[in-house]
Amino acid sequence: MADKSPYALEVRGVTKNYGVPPRGITALKAVFVNVLNNEFFTLLGPSDCGKKTLLRMIAGFEYLTAGEMLLHDSNIETQKASVAIADTVIEVPSTMAKVEATPIQNRS
């Protein structure tokens, strides 16, 4: 039995191209990242350097052109992406106080 990897995330030689060369755009070229289990990781860089593209690929919203990504020893590309939509509720205390102070029969 093989030993379990110490990495939560392994990005191995990942490349992402949009369009067809030579007119296409290479968003990522041979990226390697290893994130250890229980490690806090940040992704920093200048504008348009591929941070969002890499995160979208990790989340499963973009396909890799080349390379592989493993999340807890499982290939990310074989996993199905899922989206969770959360509703945001904004409560303004002064407005809520006015509503609560209004008698039920007078509310319209």
C-alpha atoms as a PDB file:
ATOM      1  CA  MET A   1       0.000   0.000   0.000  1.00  0.00           C
ATOM      2  CA  ALA A   2       1.359   3.425  -0.971  1.00  0.00           C
ATOM      3  CA  ASP A   3       1.994   6.067   1.654  1.00  0.00           C
ATOM      4  CA  LYS A   4      -0.488   8.914   1.813  1.00  0.00           C
ATOM      5  CA  SER A   5       0.841  12.208   0.467  1.00  0.00           C
ATOM      6  CA  PRO A   6       1.612  14.929   3.029  1.00  0.00           C
ATOM      7  CA  TYR A   7       0.017  17.441   0.634  1.00  0.00           C
ATOM      8  CA  ALA A   8      -3.598  18.590   0.711  1.00  0.00           C
ATOM      9  CA  LEU A   9      -3.178  20.114  -2.760  1.00  0.00           C
ATOM     10  CA  GLU A  10      -0.633  19.346  -5.469  1.00  0.00           C
ATOM     11  CA  VAL A  11      -0.518  21.377  -8.670  1.00  0.00           C
ATOM     12  CA  ARG A  12       1.874  19.708 -11.091  1.00  0.00           C
ATOM     13  CA  GLY A  13       2.934  21.503 -14.276  1.00  0.00           C
ATOM     14  CA  VAL A  14      -0.456  23.064 -14.876  1.00  0.00           C
ATOM     15  CA  THR A  15      -0.921  25.067 -18.056  1.00  0.00           C
ATOM     16  CA  LYS A  16      -4.062  26.875 -19.207  1.00  0.00           C
ATOM     17  CA  ASN A  17      -4.467  28.191 -22.747  1.00  0.00           C
ATOM     18  CA  TYR A  18      -7.432  30.125 -24.112  1.00  0.00           C
ATOM     19  CA  GLY A  19      -7.886  29.971 -27.863  1.00  0.00           C
ATOM     20  CA  VAL A  20      -5.600  28.318 -30.390  1.00  0.00           C
ATOM     21  CA  PRO A  21      -1.894  29.219 -30.740  1.00  0.00           C
ATOM     22  CA  PRO A  22      -0.399  31.410 -32.065  1.00  0.00           C
ATOM     23  CA  ARG A  23      -3.318  33.802 -31.507  1.00  0.00           C
ATOM     24  CA  GLY A  24      -4.381  32.205 -28.233  1.00  0.00           C
ATOM     25  CA  ILE A  25      -3.500  33.382 -24.740  1.00  0.00           C
ATOM     26  CA  THR A  26      -1.518  31.370 -22.208  1.00  0.00           C
ATOM     27  CA  ALA A  27      -2.993  32.232 -18.803  1.00  0.00           C
ATOM     28  CA  LEU A  28      -0.817  29.771 -16.853  1.00  0.00           C
ATOM     29  CA  LYS A  29       2.379  28.063 -17.961  1.00  0.00           C
ATOM     30  CA  ALA A  30       3.827  25.051 -16.103  1.00  0.00           C
ATOM     31  CA  VAL A  31       2.677  26.057 -12.578  1.00  0.00           C
ATOM     32  CA  PHE A  32       3.773  23.932  -9.611  1.00  0.00           C
ATOM     33  CA  VAL A  33       2.294  24.409  -6.115  1.00  0.00           C
ATOM     34  CA  ASN A  34       2.273  22.119  -3.076  1.00  0.00           C
ATOM     35  CA  VAL A  35       0.111  22.910  -0.045  1.00  0.00           C
ATOM     36  CA  LEU A  36       0.721  20.748   3.022  1.00  0.00           C
ATOM     37  CA  ASN A  37      -2.127  19.298   5.077  1.00  0.00           C
ATOM     38  CA  ASN A  38      -3.293  21.842   7.700  1.00  0.00           C
ATOM     39  CA  GLU A  39      -1.208  24.575   6.074  1.00  0.00           C
ATOM     40  CA  PHE A  40      -2.510  28.140   5.624  1.00  0.00           C
ATOM     41  CA  PHE A  41      -1.883  29.175   2.038  1.00  0.00           C
ATOM     42  CA  THR A  42      -2.292  32.492   0.229  1.00  0.00           C
ATOM     43  CA  LEU A  43      -2.020  33.189  -3.460  1.00  0.00           C
ATOM     44  CA  LEU A  44      -0.555  36.615  -4.167  1.00  0.00           C
ATOM     45  CA  GLY A  45       0.519  38.278  -7.380  1.00  0.00           C
ATOM     46  CA  PRO A  46       0.024  41.254  -9.682  1.00  0.00           C
ATOM     47  CA  SER A  47      -3.061  41.801 -11.805  1.00  0.00           C
ATOM     48  CA  ASP A  48      -3.588  39.368 -14.681  1.00  0.00           C
ATOM     49  CA  CYS A  49      -0.956  36.870 -13.519  1.00  0.00           C
ATOM     50  CA  GLY A  50      -3.362  33.893 -13.373  1.00  0.00           C
ATOM     51  CA  LYS A  51      -4.455  33.781  -9.703  1.00  0.00           C
ATOM     52  CA  LYS A  52      -8.156  33.630 -10.481  1.00  0.00           C
ATOM     53  CA  THR A  53      -7.613  31.147 -13.321  1.00  0.00           C
ATOM     54  CA  LEU A  54      -5.702  28.829 -10.971  1.00  0.00           C
ATOM     55  CA  LEU A  55      -8.405  29.090  -8.291  1.00  0.00           C
ATOM     56  CA  ARG A  56     -11.143  28.421 -10.861  1.00  0.00           C
ATOM     57  CA  MET A  57      -9.260  25.346 -12.031  1.00  0.00           C
ATOM     58  CA  ILE A  58      -8.843  24.087  -8.451  1.00  0.00           C
ATOM     59  CA  ALA A  59     -12.590  24.608  -7.912  1.00  0.00           C
ATOM     60  CA  GLY A  60     -13.358  22.683 -11.101  1.00  0.00           C
ATOM     61  CA  PHE A  61     -14.853  25.564 -13.092  1.00  0.00           C
ATOM     62  CA  GLU A  62     -12.047  25.585 -15.717  1.00  0.00           C
ATOM     63  CA  TYR A  63     -10.356  22.684 -17.512  1.00  0.00           C
ATOM     64  CA  LEU A  64      -6.590  22.232 -17.534  1.00  0.00           C
ATOM     65  CA  THR A  65      -4.781  22.382 -20.864  1.00  0.00           C
ATOM     66  CA  ALA A  66      -1.872  20.378 -19.441  1.00  0.00           C
ATOM     67  CA  GLY A  67      -0.601  19.069 -16.105  1.00  0.00           C
ATOM     68  CA  GLU A  68      -2.553  17.667 -13.183  1.00  0.00           C
ATOM     69  CA  MET A  69      -4.034  18.717  -9.847  1.00  0.00           C
ATOM     70  CA  LEU A  70      -4.502  16.441  -6.868  1.00  0.00           C
ATOM     71  CA  LEU A  71      -6.684  17.241  -3.878  1.00  0.00           C
ATOM     72  CA  HIS A  72      -5.983  14.757  -1.057  1.00  0.00           C
ATOM     73  CA  ASP A  73      -4.459  12.319  -3.593  1.00  0.00           C
ATOM     74  CA  SER A  74      -7.542  12.481  -5.839  1.00  0.00           C
ATOM     75  CA  ASN A  75      -7.388  13.995  -9.333  1.00  0.00           C
ATOM     76  CA  ILE A  76      -9.439  17.212  -9.322  1.00  0.00           C
ATOM     77  CA  GLU A  77     -10.428  16.842 -12.983  1.00  0.00           C
ATOM     78  CA  THR A  78     -12.356  13.662 -12.239  1.00  0.00           C
ATOM     79  CA  GLN A  79     -14.388  15.423  -9.532  1.00  0.00           C
ATOM     80  CA  LYS A  80     -17.616  17.227 -10.338  1.00  0.00           C
ATOM     81  CA  ALA A  81     -17.751  20.950  -9.556  1.00  0.00           C
ATOM     82  CA  SER A  82     -20.599  22.101  -7.357  1.00  0.00           C
ATOM     83  CA  VAL A  83     -21.986  25.540  -6.668  1.00  0.00           C
ATOM     84  CA  ALA A  84     -23.586  26.611  -3.424  1.00  0.00           C
ATOM     85  CA  ILE A  85     -25.635  29.791  -3.558  1.00  0.00           C
ATOM     86  CA  ALA A  86     -26.006  31.700  -0.329  1.00  0.00           C
ATOM     87  CA  ASP A  87     -28.606  34.408   0.158  1.00  0.00           C
ATOM     88  CA  THR A  88     -27.374  37.543   1.841  1.00  0.00           C
ATOM     89  CA  VAL A  89     -29.640  39.264   4.330  1.00  0.00           C
ATOM     90  CA  ILE A  90     -28.920  42.858   5.251  1.00  0.00           C
ATOM     91  CA  GLU A  91     -30.649  44.108   8.335  1.00  0.00           C
ATOM     92  CA  VAL A  92     -30.611  47.767   9.220  1.00  0.00           C
ATOM     93  CA  PRO A  93     -31.265  48.130  12.963  1.00  0.00           C
ATOM     94  CA  SER A  94     -33.129  51.450  12.695  1.00  0.00           C
ATOM     95  CA  THR A  95     -35.475  50.059  10.032  1.00  0.00           C
ATOM     96  CA  MET A  96     -36.105  46.913  12.047  1.00  0.00           C
ATOM     97  CA  ALA A  97     -36.868  48.981  15.142  1.00  0.00           C
ATOM     98  CA  LYS A  98     -39.465  50.997  13.165  1.00  0.00           C
ATOM     99  CA  VAL A  99     -41.123  47.826  11.867  1.00  0.00           C
ATOM    100  CA  GLU A 100     -41.221  46.260  15.329  1.00  0.00           C
ATOM    101  CA  ALA A 101     -42.680  49.445  16.836  1.00  0.00           C
ATOM    102  CA  THR A 102     -45.508  49.630  14.285  1.00  0.00           C
ATOM    103  CA  PRO A 103     -48.703  47.884  15.395  1.00  0.00           C
ATOM    104  CA  ILE A 104     -49.581  44.869  13.234  1.00  0.00           C
ATOM    105  CA  GLN A 105     -52.921  46.313  12.062  1.00  0.00           C
ATOM    106  CA  ASN A 106     -51.191  49.489  10.731  1.00  0.00           C
ATOM    107  CA  ARG A 107     -48.562  47.660   8.654  1.00  0.00           C
ATOM    108  CA  SER A 108     -49.067  47.757   4.913  1.00  0.00           C
END
